[in-house]
């Protein structure tokens, strides 16, 4: 999960003109790089739908199912119909997740039985309802919480989760024992969870 969140924090929201160009390149010219960029840019939408289930031991499997739903949405989406992609995709993503939870015996599927058809009937409600905006707000809170940590804890978390360094490497650079690095890592994570608890609860 930490690696997934680290990669997710690098995702930038597409500008309208940029997104329009990506859809044009993918749908008209089958540009594989445009397809990949669209999937990557909307990955936070999958994370948002998985948040209520973040404590499940197999939450990454759930996210993978949601990502399959996202990919299916990118493949079948028709930009010319005027439906916001985030609204179109969220139903298929949820459908994939509900199916996975049902197979695991953890949840009943939603009463919405055909997500793709319902999505087709939605009109573009604009950025104020964007799922992506809310998710990027979460990352803004995450980075703000990181800045409030004691300097040694922040240095450890940034080195491990942002710079992808091994604990042993961090210990050598900071001239601390590896066990001390792990303690600082746990303390930092605990502080961040505390700072984000209220926000995530209302997210």
C-alpha atoms as a PDB file:
ATOM      1  CA  UNK A   1       0.000   0.000   0.000  1.00  0.00           C
ATOM      2  CA  UNK A   2       2.829   2.405   0.842  1.00  0.00           C
ATOM      3  CA  UNK A   3       4.377   1.936  -2.606  1.00  0.00           C
ATOM      4  CA  UNK A   4       0.975   2.420  -4.255  1.00  0.00           C
ATOM      5  CA  UNK A   5       0.362   5.650  -2.325  1.00  0.00           C
ATOM      6  CA  UNK A   6       3.846   6.881  -3.161  1.00  0.00           C
ATOM      7  CA  UNK A   7       3.190   6.420  -6.868  1.00  0.00           C
ATOM      8  CA  UNK A   8      -0.298   7.882  -6.562  1.00  0.00           C
ATOM      9  CA  UNK A   9       1.050  11.059  -4.960  1.00  0.00           C
ATOM     10  CA  UNK A  10       2.977  11.746  -8.179  1.00  0.00           C
ATOM     11  CA  UNK A  11      -0.188  11.821 -10.303  1.00  0.00           C
ATOM     12  CA  UNK A  12      -1.099  15.274 -11.600  1.00  0.00           C
ATOM     13  CA  UNK A  13      -4.596  16.370 -12.582  1.00  0.00           C
ATOM     14  CA  UNK A  14      -4.996  16.802 -16.318  1.00  0.00           C
ATOM     15  CA  UNK A  15      -5.727  20.227 -17.721  1.00  0.00           C
ATOM     16  CA  UNK A  16      -8.899  20.244 -19.893  1.00  0.00           C
ATOM     17  CA  UNK A  17      -6.986  20.886 -23.136  1.00  0.00           C
ATOM     18  CA  UNK A  18      -4.460  18.178 -22.293  1.00  0.00           C
ATOM     19  CA  UNK A  19      -7.178  15.649 -21.512  1.00  0.00           C
ATOM     20  CA  UNK A  20      -9.059  16.495 -24.702  1.00  0.00           C
ATOM     21  CA  UNK A  21      -5.898  15.893 -26.723  1.00  0.00           C
ATOM     22  CA  UNK A  22      -5.261  12.564 -24.977  1.00  0.00           C
ATOM     23  CA  UNK A  23      -8.765  11.317 -25.711  1.00  0.00           C
ATOM     24  CA  UNK A  24      -8.437  12.433 -29.340  1.00  0.00           C
ATOM     25  CA  UNK A  25      -5.100  10.664 -29.747  1.00  0.00           C
ATOM     26  CA  UNK A  26      -6.374   7.459 -28.156  1.00  0.00           C
ATOM     27  CA  UNK A  27      -9.806   7.229 -29.766  1.00  0.00           C
ATOM     28  CA  UNK A  28      -8.848   8.462 -33.227  1.00  0.00           C
ATOM     29  CA  UNK A  29      -5.297   7.190 -33.596  1.00  0.00           C
ATOM     30  CA  UNK A  30      -5.144   4.347 -31.019  1.00  0.00           C
ATOM     31  CA  UNK A  31      -2.175   6.015 -29.324  1.00  0.00           C
ATOM     32  CA  UNK A  32      -1.047   3.594 -26.591  1.00  0.00           C
ATOM     33  CA  UNK A  33       0.865   6.280 -24.685  1.00  0.00           C
ATOM     34  CA  UNK A  34      -2.255   8.468 -24.515  1.00  0.00           C
ATOM     35  CA  UNK A  35      -4.232   5.491 -23.201  1.00  0.00           C
ATOM     36  CA  UNK A  36      -1.638   4.839 -20.498  1.00  0.00           C
ATOM     37  CA  UNK A  37      -1.581   8.500 -19.489  1.00  0.00           C
ATOM     38  CA  UNK A  38      -5.371   8.576 -19.097  1.00  0.00           C
ATOM     39  CA  UNK A  39      -5.379   5.421 -16.969  1.00  0.00           C
ATOM     40  CA  UNK A  40      -2.590   6.792 -14.787  1.00  0.00           C
ATOM     41  CA  UNK A  41      -4.263  10.189 -14.361  1.00  0.00           C
ATOM     42  CA  UNK A  42      -7.544   8.675 -13.219  1.00  0.00           C
ATOM     43  CA  UNK A  43      -6.013   6.106 -10.861  1.00  0.00           C
ATOM     44  CA  UNK A  44      -6.846   8.374  -7.854  1.00  0.00           C
ATOM     45  CA  UNK A  45     -10.497   7.721  -8.675  1.00  0.00           C
ATOM     46  CA  UNK A  46      -9.931   4.032  -7.927  1.00  0.00           C
ATOM     47  CA  UNK A  47      -8.224   4.896  -4.654  1.00  0.00           C
ATOM     48  CA  UNK A  48     -11.170   7.072  -3.604  1.00  0.00           C
ATOM     49  CA  UNK A  49     -13.602   4.172  -4.085  1.00  0.00           C
ATOM     50  CA  UNK A  50     -11.327   1.815  -2.127  1.00  0.00           C
ATOM     51  CA  UNK A  51     -10.993   4.128   0.896  1.00  0.00           C
ATOM     52  CA  UNK A  52     -13.949   2.653   2.842  1.00  0.00           C
ATOM     53  CA  UNK A  53     -12.248  -0.766   2.625  1.00  0.00           C
ATOM     54  CA  UNK A  54      -8.676   0.391   3.401  1.00  0.00           C
ATOM     55  CA  UNK A  55      -8.436  -1.868   6.480  1.00  0.00           C
ATOM     56  CA  UNK A  56      -9.075  -5.087   4.549  1.00  0.00           C
ATOM     57  CA  UNK A  57      -5.991  -7.333   4.364  1.00  0.00           C
ATOM     58  CA  UNK A  58      -6.499  -7.759   0.607  1.00  0.00           C
ATOM     59  CA  UNK A  59      -7.260  -4.107  -0.154  1.00  0.00           C
ATOM     60  CA  UNK A  60      -4.620  -4.108  -2.914  1.00  0.00           C
ATOM     61  CA  UNK A  61      -6.534  -6.900  -4.677  1.00  0.00           C
ATOM     62  CA  UNK A  62      -9.636  -4.723  -4.402  1.00  0.00           C
ATOM     63  CA  UNK A  63      -7.728  -1.784  -5.906  1.00  0.00           C
ATOM     64  CA  UNK A  64      -6.543  -4.038  -8.720  1.00  0.00           C
ATOM     65  CA  UNK A  65     -10.152  -4.965  -9.493  1.00  0.00           C
ATOM     66  CA  UNK A  66     -11.076  -1.292  -9.491  1.00  0.00           C
ATOM     67  CA  UNK A  67      -8.207  -0.586 -11.866  1.00  0.00           C
ATOM     68  CA  UNK A  68      -9.579  -3.205 -14.261  1.00  0.00           C
ATOM     69  CA  UNK A  69     -12.875  -1.311 -14.139  1.00  0.00           C
ATOM     70  CA  UNK A  70     -11.012   1.917 -14.885  1.00  0.00           C
ATOM     71  CA  UNK A  71      -9.276   0.353 -17.885  1.00  0.00           C
ATOM     72  CA  UNK A  72     -12.589  -0.980 -19.192  1.00  0.00           C
ATOM     73  CA  UNK A  73     -14.050   2.503 -18.833  1.00  0.00           C
ATOM     74  CA  UNK A  74     -11.189   4.093 -20.780  1.00  0.00           C
ATOM     75  CA  UNK A  75     -11.708   1.545 -23.545  1.00  0.00           C
ATOM     76  CA  UNK A  76     -15.470   2.033 -23.842  1.00  0.00           C
ATOM     77  CA  UNK A  77     -15.779   5.772 -23.084  1.00  0.00           C
ATOM     78  CA  UNK A  78     -17.102   7.988 -25.867  1.00  0.00           C
ATOM     79  CA  UNK A  79     -15.985  11.603 -25.251  1.00  0.00           C
ATOM     80  CA  UNK A  80     -18.373  13.033 -27.836  1.00  0.00           C
ATOM     81  CA  UNK A  81     -21.379  12.030 -25.703  1.00  0.00           C
ATOM     82  CA  UNK A  82     -20.631  14.842 -23.258  1.00  0.00           C
ATOM     83  CA  UNK A  83     -20.461  12.725 -20.093  1.00  0.00           C
ATOM     84  CA  UNK A  84     -17.665  13.544 -17.622  1.00  0.00           C
ATOM     85  CA  UNK A  85     -15.295  10.583 -17.596  1.00  0.00           C
ATOM     86  CA  UNK A  86     -15.036  10.535 -13.786  1.00  0.00           C
ATOM     87  CA  UNK A  87     -18.815  10.096 -13.563  1.00  0.00           C
ATOM     88  CA  UNK A  88     -18.838   7.480 -16.288  1.00  0.00           C
ATOM     89  CA  UNK A  89     -15.970   5.447 -14.848  1.00  0.00           C
ATOM     90  CA  UNK A  90     -16.926   5.468 -11.170  1.00  0.00           C
ATOM     91  CA  UNK A  91     -19.850   3.108 -11.732  1.00  0.00           C
ATOM     92  CA  UNK A  92     -17.787   0.480 -13.514  1.00  0.00           C
ATOM     93  CA  UNK A  93     -15.032   0.799 -10.899  1.00  0.00           C
ATOM     94  CA  UNK A  94     -17.526   0.307  -8.076  1.00  0.00           C
ATOM     95  CA  UNK A  95     -19.138  -2.575  -9.919  1.00  0.00           C
ATOM     96  CA  UNK A  96     -15.817  -4.392 -10.189  1.00  0.00           C
ATOM     97  CA  UNK A  97     -15.112  -3.780  -6.516  1.00  0.00           C
ATOM     98  CA  UNK A  98     -18.547  -4.948  -5.381  1.00  0.00           C
ATOM     99  CA  UNK A  99     -18.189  -8.105  -7.450  1.00  0.00           C
ATOM    100  CA  UNK A 100     -14.832  -8.808  -5.798  1.00  0.00           C
ATOM    101  CA  UNK A 101     -16.239  -8.207  -2.300  1.00  0.00           C
ATOM    102  CA  UNK A 102     -19.220 -10.426  -3.031  1.00  0.00           C
ATOM    103  CA  UNK A 103     -16.953 -13.247  -4.181  1.00  0.00           C
ATOM    104  CA  UNK A 104     -14.990 -12.876  -0.946  1.00  0.00           C
ATOM    105  CA  UNK A 105     -18.238 -12.965   1.067  1.00  0.00           C
ATOM    106  CA  UNK A 106     -17.586  -9.505   2.505  1.00  0.00           C
ATOM    107  CA  UNK A 107     -20.349  -7.400   1.027  1.00  0.00           C
ATOM    108  CA  UNK A 108     -23.545  -7.500  -0.952  1.00  0.00           C
ATOM    109  CA  UNK A 109     -23.533  -5.892  -4.377  1.00  0.00           C
ATOM    110  CA  UNK A 110     -25.164  -2.516  -4.808  1.00  0.00           C
ATOM    111  CA  UNK A 111     -28.771  -2.305  -5.962  1.00  0.00           C
ATOM    112  CA  UNK A 112     -27.425  -0.520  -9.032  1.00  0.00           C
ATOM    113  CA  UNK A 113     -27.221  -3.563 -11.265  1.00  0.00           C
ATOM    114  CA  UNK A 114     -25.986  -2.057 -14.492  1.00  0.00           C
ATOM    115  CA  UNK A 115     -23.386   0.631 -13.838  1.00  0.00           C
ATOM    116  CA  UNK A 116     -22.359   1.285 -17.406  1.00  0.00           C
ATOM    117  CA  UNK A 117     -25.909   1.933 -18.626  1.00  0.00           C
ATOM    118  CA  UNK A 118     -26.585   4.316 -15.745  1.00  0.00           C
ATOM    119  CA  UNK A 119     -23.343   6.137 -16.461  1.00  0.00           C
ATOM    120  CA  UNK A 120     -24.420   6.656 -20.067  1.00  0.00           C
ATOM    121  CA  UNK A 121     -27.446   8.591 -18.835  1.00  0.00           C
ATOM    122  CA  UNK A 122     -25.453  10.967 -16.678  1.00  0.00           C
ATOM    123  CA  UNK A 123     -24.810  14.498 -17.869  1.00  0.00           C
ATOM    124  CA  UNK A 124     -21.594  16.422 -17.316  1.00  0.00           C
ATOM    125  CA  UNK A 125     -21.957  18.083 -13.903  1.00  0.00           C
ATOM    126  CA  UNK A 126     -18.598  19.877 -14.113  1.00  0.00           C
ATOM    127  CA  UNK A 127     -15.528  20.091 -11.905  1.00  0.00           C
ATOM    128  CA  UNK A 128     -17.455  20.754  -8.696  1.00  0.00           C
ATOM    129  CA  UNK A 129     -18.352  17.078  -8.522  1.00  0.00           C
ATOM    130  CA  UNK A 130     -14.987  15.793  -9.642  1.00  0.00           C
ATOM    131  CA  UNK A 131     -13.846  12.744  -7.701  1.00  0.00           C
ATOM    132  CA  UNK A 132     -10.288  13.601  -8.603  1.00  0.00           C
ATOM    133  CA  UNK A 133     -10.378  16.998  -6.914  1.00  0.00           C
ATOM    134  CA  UNK A 134     -11.328  15.379  -3.606  1.00  0.00           C
ATOM    135  CA  UNK A 135      -8.585  12.808  -3.905  1.00  0.00           C
ATOM    136  CA  UNK A 136      -5.942  15.413  -4.620  1.00  0.00           C
ATOM    137  CA  UNK A 137      -7.163  17.275  -1.542  1.00  0.00           C
ATOM    138  CA  UNK A 138      -6.320  14.159   0.463  1.00  0.00           C
ATOM    139  CA  UNK A 139      -2.768  14.216  -0.864  1.00  0.00           C
ATOM    140  CA  UNK A 140      -2.485  17.910  -0.008  1.00  0.00           C
ATOM    141  CA  UNK A 141      -3.422  17.065   3.597  1.00  0.00           C
ATOM    142  CA  UNK A 142      -0.931  14.198   3.551  1.00  0.00           C
ATOM    143  CA  UNK A 143       1.921  16.435   2.486  1.00  0.00           C
ATOM    144  CA  UNK A 144       0.920  19.085   5.031  1.00  0.00           C
ATOM    145  CA  UNK A 145       0.963  16.431   7.770  1.00  0.00           C
ATOM    146  CA  UNK A 146       4.406  15.321   6.631  1.00  0.00           C
ATOM    147  CA  UNK A 147       5.701  18.881   6.985  1.00  0.00           C
ATOM    148  CA  UNK A 148       4.472  19.015  10.603  1.00  0.00           C
ATOM    149  CA  UNK A 149       6.464  15.970  11.694  1.00  0.00           C
ATOM    150  CA  UNK A 150       9.645  16.292  13.786  1.00  0.00           C
ATOM    151  CA  UNK A 151      12.590  16.680  11.429  1.00  0.00           C
ATOM    152  CA  UNK A 152      14.067  13.230  12.109  1.00  0.00           C
ATOM    153  CA  UNK A 153      10.766  11.432  11.488  1.00  0.00           C
ATOM    154  CA  UNK A 154      10.103  13.461   8.359  1.00  0.00           C
ATOM    155  CA  UNK A 155      13.570  12.699   7.026  1.00  0.00           C
ATOM    156  CA  UNK A 156      13.045   8.970   7.540  1.00  0.00           C
ATOM    157  CA  UNK A 157       9.613   8.873   5.894  1.00  0.00           C
ATOM    158  CA  UNK A 158      10.716  10.991   2.939  1.00  0.00           C
ATOM    159  CA  UNK A 159      13.778   8.803   2.423  1.00  0.00           C
ATOM    160  CA  UNK A 160      11.857   5.517   2.594  1.00  0.00           C
ATOM    161  CA  UNK A 161       8.571   6.409   0.892  1.00  0.00           C
ATOM    162  CA  UNK A 162       9.475   9.221  -1.492  1.00  0.00           C
ATOM    163  CA  UNK A 163      13.099   8.468  -2.349  1.00  0.00           C
ATOM    164  CA  UNK A 164      12.604   4.669  -2.124  1.00  0.00           C
ATOM    165  CA  UNK A 165      15.711   4.156   0.014  1.00  0.00           C
ATOM    166  CA  UNK A 166      16.306   1.064   2.129  1.00  0.00           C
ATOM    167  CA  UNK A 167      16.244   1.470   5.933  1.00  0.00           C
ATOM    168  CA  UNK A 168      19.906   0.427   6.082  1.00  0.00           C
ATOM    169  CA  UNK A 169      20.867   3.184   3.640  1.00  0.00           C
ATOM    170  CA  UNK A 170      18.906   5.763   5.599  1.00  0.00           C
ATOM    171  CA  UNK A 171      20.515   4.613   8.831  1.00  0.00           C
ATOM    172  CA  UNK A 172      23.981   5.058   7.364  1.00  0.00           C
ATOM    173  CA  UNK A 173      23.218   8.522   6.020  1.00  0.00           C
ATOM    174  CA  UNK A 174      21.670   9.729   9.270  1.00  0.00           C
ATOM    175  CA  UNK A 175      24.235   7.878  11.377  1.00  0.00           C
ATOM    176  CA  UNK A 176      21.577   5.988  13.326  1.00  0.00           C
ATOM    177  CA  UNK A 177      20.948   2.309  13.946  1.00  0.00           C
ATOM    178  CA  UNK A 178      18.534   0.457  11.683  1.00  0.00           C
ATOM    179  CA  UNK A 179      16.287  -0.314  14.673  1.00  0.00           C
ATOM    180  CA  UNK A 180      16.153   3.413  15.451  1.00  0.00           C
ATOM    181  CA  UNK A 181      15.152   4.118  11.831  1.00  0.00           C
ATOM    182  CA  UNK A 182      12.269   1.642  12.141  1.00  0.00           C
ATOM    183  CA  UNK A 183      11.139   3.294  15.387  1.00  0.00           C
ATOM    184  CA  UNK A 184      11.160   6.718  13.755  1.00  0.00           C
ATOM    185  CA  UNK A 185       9.269   5.289  10.784  1.00  0.00           C
ATOM    186  CA  UNK A 186       6.531   3.845  13.009  1.00  0.00           C
ATOM    187  CA  UNK A 187       6.307   7.025  15.094  1.00  0.00           C
ATOM    188  CA  UNK A 188       6.010   9.163  11.960  1.00  0.00           C
ATOM    189  CA  UNK A 189       3.300   6.980  10.465  1.00  0.00           C
ATOM    190  CA  UNK A 190       1.390   7.019  13.755  1.00  0.00           C
ATOM    191  CA  UNK A 191       1.546  10.831  13.917  1.00  0.00           C
ATOM    192  CA  UNK A 192       0.374  11.205  10.311  1.00  0.00           C
ATOM    193  CA  UNK A 193      -2.528   8.829  10.896  1.00  0.00           C
ATOM    194  CA  UNK A 194      -3.545  10.900  13.882  1.00  0.00           C
ATOM    195  CA  UNK A 195      -3.383  14.154  11.925  1.00  0.00           C
ATOM    196  CA  UNK A 196      -5.360  12.696   9.019  1.00  0.00           C
ATOM    197  CA  UNK A 197      -7.928  10.760  11.078  1.00  0.00           C
ATOM    198  CA  UNK A 198     -10.606  13.444  11.125  1.00  0.00           C
ATOM    199  CA  UNK A 199     -10.141  14.352   7.472  1.00  0.00           C
ATOM    200  CA  UNK A 200     -10.291  10.727   6.269  1.00  0.00           C
ATOM    201  CA  UNK A 201     -13.374  10.068   8.408  1.00  0.00           C
ATOM    202  CA  UNK A 202     -15.242  12.836   6.586  1.00  0.00           C
ATOM    203  CA  UNK A 203     -13.691  12.112   3.177  1.00  0.00           C
END
